[in-house]
C-alpha atoms as a PDB file:
ATOM      1  CA  GLU A   1      87.299 111.675 105.260  1.00  0.00           C
ATOM      2  CA  SER A   2      86.331 108.291 105.177  1.00  0.00           C
ATOM      3  CA  PHE A   3      85.190 107.914 108.414  1.00  0.00           C
ATOM      4  CA  LEU A   4      82.862 110.273 107.433  1.00  0.00           C
ATOM      5  CA  HIS A   5      81.221 109.173 104.537  1.00  0.00           C
ATOM      6  CA  VAL A   6      80.789 105.419 106.079  1.00  0.00           C
ATOM      7  CA  ASN A   7      78.981 107.585 109.241  1.00  0.00           C
ATOM      8  CA  GLU A   8      76.749 109.438 106.600  1.00  0.00           C
ATOM      9  CA  LEU A   9      76.110 105.822 104.760  1.00  0.00           C
ATOM     10  CA  ARG A  10      75.072 104.268 108.402  1.00  0.00           C
ATOM     11  CA  LEU A  11      72.744 107.528 109.262  1.00  0.00           C
ATOM     12  CA  THR A  12      71.110 107.016 105.784  1.00  0.00           C
ATOM     13  CA  PHE A  13      70.868 103.328 105.160  1.00  0.00           C
ATOM     14  CA  GLN A  14      70.284 102.250 108.737  1.00  0.00           C
ATOM     15  CA  ALA A  15      68.084  99.505 107.862  1.00  0.00           C
ATOM     16  CA  HIS A  16      68.744  98.751 104.005  1.00  0.00           C
ATOM     17  CA  ASN A  17      71.547  97.130 103.411  1.00  0.00           C
ATOM     18  CA  PRO A  18      72.790  95.442 106.695  1.00  0.00           C
ATOM     19  CA  VAL A  19      75.570  93.344 104.037  1.00  0.00           C
ATOM     20  CA  TYR A  20      76.905  96.904 102.740  1.00  0.00           C
ATOM     21  CA  ARG A  21      80.452  96.316 101.678  1.00  0.00           C
ATOM     22  CA  ASP A  22      82.243  98.601 100.140  1.00  0.00           C
ATOM     23  CA  SER A  23      86.569  98.924  99.762  1.00  0.00           C
ATOM     24  CA  TRP A  24      89.385 101.334  99.763  1.00  0.00           C
ATOM     25  CA  ARG A  25      89.511 102.713  96.671  1.00  0.00           C
ATOM     26  CA  ASP A  26      93.152 103.647  94.990  1.00  0.00           C
ATOM     27  CA  PRO A  27      91.491 107.103  92.858  1.00  0.00           C
ATOM     28  CA  GLU A  28      94.048 106.449  90.180  1.00  0.00           C
ATOM     29  CA  THR A  29      93.217 102.335  89.282  1.00  0.00           C
ATOM     30  CA  GLY A  30      90.002 101.835  89.919  1.00  0.00           C
ATOM     31  CA  SER A  31      91.120  98.594  92.376  1.00  0.00           C
ATOM     32  CA  ALA A  32      91.608  97.657  95.990  1.00  0.00           C
ATOM     33  CA  GLU A  33      94.928 100.020  97.547  1.00  0.00           C
ATOM     34  CA  ILE A  34      97.171  97.745  99.723  1.00  0.00           C
ATOM     35  CA  PHE A  35      97.884  99.306 103.053  1.00  0.00           C
ATOM     36  CA  VAL A  36     100.955  97.891 105.069  1.00  0.00           C
ATOM     37  CA  GLY A  37      99.765  97.108 108.995  1.00  0.00           C
ATOM     38  CA  ILE A  38     101.236  96.304 112.085  1.00  0.00           C
ATOM     39  CA  MET A  39      99.904  93.405 114.227  1.00  0.00           C
ATOM     40  CA  CYS A  40      99.060  94.631 117.831  1.00  0.00           C
ATOM     41  CA  ARG A  41      96.794  94.145 121.012  1.00  0.00           C
ATOM     42  CA  GLY A  42      94.216  96.164 121.663  1.00  0.00           C
ATOM     43  CA  SER A  43      93.288  97.994 124.646  1.00  0.00           C
ATOM     44  CA  GLY A  44      91.027  94.283 125.681  1.00  0.00           C
ATOM     45  CA  GLY A  45      93.988  92.472 124.381  1.00  0.00           C
ATOM     46  CA  ARG A  46      93.192  91.130 121.679  1.00  0.00           C
ATOM     47  CA  LEU A  47      95.183  91.138 117.948  1.00  0.00           C
ATOM     48  CA  LYS A  48      94.037  93.705 115.881  1.00  0.00           C
ATOM     49  CA  VAL A  49      95.835  95.637 112.432  1.00  0.00           C
ATOM     50  CA  ARG A  50      97.763  99.013 112.871  1.00  0.00           C
ATOM     51  CA  VAL A  51      97.940 100.711 109.435  1.00  0.00           C
ATOM     52  CA  VAL A  52     100.752 102.424 109.241  1.00  0.00           C
ATOM     53  CA  GLU A  53      99.566 104.920 107.001  1.00  0.00           C
ATOM     54  CA  LEU A  54      96.456 105.897 108.725  1.00  0.00           C
ATOM     55  CA  GLN A  55      98.124 105.736 111.996  1.00  0.00           C
ATOM     56  CA  GLN A  56      94.813 103.432 112.795  1.00  0.00           C
ATOM     57  CA  THR A  57      93.892 101.087 114.506  1.00  0.00           C
ATOM     58  CA  PHE A  58      91.081  98.392 113.128  1.00  0.00           C
ATOM     59  CA  GLY A  59      90.295  94.724 113.724  1.00  0.00           C
ATOM     60  CA  TYR A  60      90.314  92.231 111.166  1.00  0.00           C
ATOM     61  CA  GLN A  61      89.803  88.869 109.279  1.00  0.00           C
ATOM     62  CA  LEU A  62      91.769  86.598 106.838  1.00  0.00           C
ATOM     63  CA  GLY A  63      91.243  87.066 103.283  1.00  0.00           C
ATOM     64  CA  ARG A  64      90.119  84.106 101.181  1.00  0.00           C
ATOM     65  CA  GLY A  65      93.228  81.664 101.023  1.00  0.00           C
ATOM     66  CA  VAL A  66      95.357  83.242 103.022  1.00  0.00           C
ATOM     67  CA  SER A  67      97.312  80.752 105.466  1.00  0.00           C
ATOM     68  CA  LEU A  68      99.052  83.097 108.392  1.00  0.00           C
ATOM     69  CA  SER A  69      98.825  83.162 112.093  1.00  0.00           C
ATOM     70  CA  PRO A  70      99.404  86.391 112.533  1.00  0.00           C
ATOM     71  CA  LEU A  71     101.539  87.552 115.575  1.00  0.00           C
ATOM     72  CA  GLU A  72     102.442  90.703 117.446  1.00  0.00           C
ATOM     73  CA  GLY A  73     104.889  92.721 115.557  1.00  0.00           C
ATOM     74  CA  MET A  74     103.637  91.126 112.243  1.00  0.00           C
ATOM     75  CA  GLY A  75     103.745  93.301 109.164  1.00  0.00           C
ATOM     76  CA  VAL A  76     100.870  92.541 106.672  1.00  0.00           C
ATOM     77  CA  GLU A  77      99.184  93.827 103.704  1.00  0.00           C
ATOM     78  CA  LEU A  78      95.392  94.278 103.446  1.00  0.00           C
ATOM     79  CA  VAL A  79      92.503  95.986 102.540  1.00  0.00           C
ATOM     80  CA  LEU A  80      90.198  98.096 103.790  1.00  0.00           C
ATOM     81  CA  HIS A  81      86.089  97.176 103.542  1.00  0.00           C
ATOM     82  CA  PHE A  82      83.701  99.716 104.569  1.00  0.00           C
ATOM     83  CA  TYR A  83      80.427  98.862 106.254  1.00  0.00           C
ATOM     84  CA  LEU A  84      77.951 100.339 107.646  1.00  0.00           C
ATOM     85  CA  SER A  85      79.128  99.124 111.172  1.00  0.00           C
ATOM     86  CA  GLY A  86      82.153 100.520 110.792  1.00  0.00           C
ATOM     87  CA  ILE A  87      85.712  99.354 109.309  1.00  0.00           C
ATOM     88  CA  ARG A  88      87.808  96.530 109.424  1.00  0.00           C
ATOM     89  CA  ALA A  89      90.885  95.309 107.454  1.00  0.00           C
ATOM     90  CA  GLU A  90      91.224  91.882 105.420  1.00  0.00           C
ATOM     91  CA  VAL A  91      94.965  90.959 105.614  1.00  0.00           C
ATOM     92  CA  ILE A  92      96.056  89.764 102.662  1.00  0.00           C
ATOM     93  CA  GLY A  93      99.007  88.879 103.054  1.00  0.00           C
ATOM     94  CA  PRO A  94     102.770  89.062 104.757  1.00  0.00           C
ATOM     95  CA  SER A  95     104.003  92.292 104.323  1.00  0.00           C
ATOM     96  CA  LYS A  96     107.144  92.524 102.120  1.00  0.00           C
ATOM     97  CA  GLY A  97     108.295  96.008 104.025  1.00  0.00           C
ATOM     98  CA  VAL A  98     107.714  95.891 107.537  1.00  0.00           C
ATOM     99  CA  ASN A  99     107.876  92.913 110.136  1.00  0.00           C
END
């Protein structure tokens, strides 16, 4: 459903706001939802993050102030952001539950 939403935005607002960004939000609290992911290698050999709950792999960036050197197999906590060009993960720290 989220992927359909991003595609609709991409088609509707092709040239309106290239810096559009929205976060995946918890429906009960309205705050950004925190997911658990595992660092893995993508098909091109680049490090990506696989979101356990969604079973999807995304490109990532480190959150502001996060001093972490991600390694393959490392568990991380992240927030998903929707852009007109796709979905990207923001790593906010190491995971307490997966490693």
